């Protein structure tokens, strides 16, 4: 499928994107994310790998649109939960 990313045309297939991302460790999820082979990647990381361009050259919206058209599931990153409960610390200090 032809996708235009940062004003450059790319002929991408879902299989090619999956192959490109197969050996890549996902960065911490932030903002828009995509699920590829049960792994959650930021769309900007995927865009950098498959286009070989700097992340400043394209937007997350462009990547979201391209990956959705290829059949991937895009979503917002899950909110990060703190490792500790602030209220439990307050009770321990008797405040």
Protein backbone atom coordinates (compact mmCIF):
# COMPACT_ATOMS: atom_id res chain seq x y z
CA UNK A 1 0.00 0.00 0.00
CA UNK A 2 1.35 3.42 -0.88
CA UNK A 3 1.66 5.74 2.11
CA UNK A 4 2.96 9.30 2.13
CA UNK A 5 5.03 10.09 5.20
CA UNK A 6 6.93 13.37 5.50
CA UNK A 7 6.11 14.15 1.85
CA UNK A 8 7.86 10.94 0.68
CA UNK A 9 5.90 8.02 -0.82
CA UNK A 10 6.49 4.57 0.67
CA UNK A 11 5.18 1.24 -0.60
CA UNK A 12 4.56 -0.65 2.63
CA UNK A 13 2.89 -3.92 3.51
CA UNK A 14 1.83 -5.18 6.90
CA UNK A 15 4.26 -8.08 6.61
CA UNK A 16 7.21 -5.76 5.86
CA UNK A 17 6.44 -3.62 8.89
CA UNK A 18 6.18 -6.71 11.11
CA UNK A 19 9.52 -7.99 9.75
CA UNK A 20 11.20 -4.61 10.31
CA UNK A 21 10.03 -4.46 13.93
CA UNK A 22 10.68 -8.12 14.80
CA UNK A 23 14.11 -7.60 16.41
CA UNK A 24 13.45 -4.14 17.86
CA UNK A 25 12.91 -3.67 21.60
CA UNK A 26 9.92 -1.38 22.28
CA UNK A 27 10.63 1.96 23.89
CA UNK A 28 8.49 3.02 26.85
CA UNK A 29 5.00 3.73 25.55
CA UNK A 30 4.09 7.40 25.35
CA UNK A 31 1.42 9.12 23.30
CA UNK A 32 0.09 7.21 20.30
CA UNK A 33 1.09 3.55 20.21
CA UNK A 34 0.64 0.59 17.89
CA UNK A 35 0.45 -3.11 18.67
CA UNK A 36 2.68 -5.26 16.46
CA UNK A 37 3.03 -8.97 17.26
CA UNK A 38 1.69 -8.50 20.81
CA UNK A 39 4.25 -5.76 21.51
CA UNK A 40 3.33 -2.12 22.04
CA UNK A 41 5.53 0.40 20.22
CA UNK A 42 5.28 4.20 20.07
CA UNK A 43 4.25 5.11 16.51
CA UNK A 44 7.22 7.46 16.23
CA UNK A 45 9.64 4.57 16.89
CA UNK A 46 7.96 2.47 14.21
CA UNK A 47 8.07 5.40 11.80
CA UNK A 48 11.77 5.92 12.37
CA UNK A 49 12.54 2.25 11.74
CA UNK A 50 10.42 1.73 8.62
CA UNK A 51 11.16 5.07 6.91
CA UNK A 52 14.78 5.46 8.08
CA UNK A 53 14.04 9.13 8.68
CA UNK A 54 14.55 11.29 11.73
CA UNK A 55 11.50 11.49 14.01
CA UNK A 56 11.40 15.25 13.52
CA UNK A 57 10.62 14.75 9.81
CA UNK A 58 7.12 13.28 10.32
CA UNK A 59 4.26 13.49 12.79
CA UNK A 60 2.61 10.86 14.94
CA UNK A 61 -0.66 11.57 13.11
CA UNK A 62 0.95 10.65 9.76
CA UNK A 63 2.25 7.39 11.23
CA UNK A 64 -1.08 6.66 12.94
CA UNK A 65 -2.90 7.10 9.63
CA UNK A 66 -0.43 4.92 7.69
CA UNK A 67 -0.35 2.11 10.27
CA UNK A 68 -4.14 2.07 10.58
CA UNK A 69 -4.49 1.81 6.80
CA UNK A 70 -2.08 -1.15 6.88
CA UNK A 71 -4.34 -2.91 9.39
CA UNK A 72 -2.55 -2.36 12.69
CA UNK A 73 -4.31 -1.44 15.91
CA UNK A 74 -3.31 2.05 17.10
CA UNK A 75 -4.23 3.35 20.54
CA UNK A 76 -3.18 5.75 23.27
CA UNK A 77 -0.51 4.60 25.69
CA UNK A 78 -1.76 3.12 28.92
CA UNK A 79 -1.42 5.51 31.84
CA UNK A 80 1.58 4.80 34.03
CA UNK A 81 0.66 3.82 37.56
CA UNK A 82 2.97 4.86 40.39
CA UNK A 83 4.85 2.06 42.15
CA UNK A 84 3.66 3.24 45.53
CA UNK A 85 0.45 4.57 47.00
CA UNK A 86 0.85 8.14 48.26
CA UNK A 87 -2.01 7.75 50.75
CA UNK A 88 -0.33 4.72 52.34
CA UNK A 89 2.78 6.83 53.02
CA UNK A 90 0.67 9.56 54.62
CA UNK A 91 -0.93 7.03 56.97
CA UNK A 92 2.50 5.67 57.91
CA UNK A 93 3.63 9.15 58.91
CA UNK A 94 0.37 9.77 60.85
CA UNK A 95 -0.57 12.96 59.00
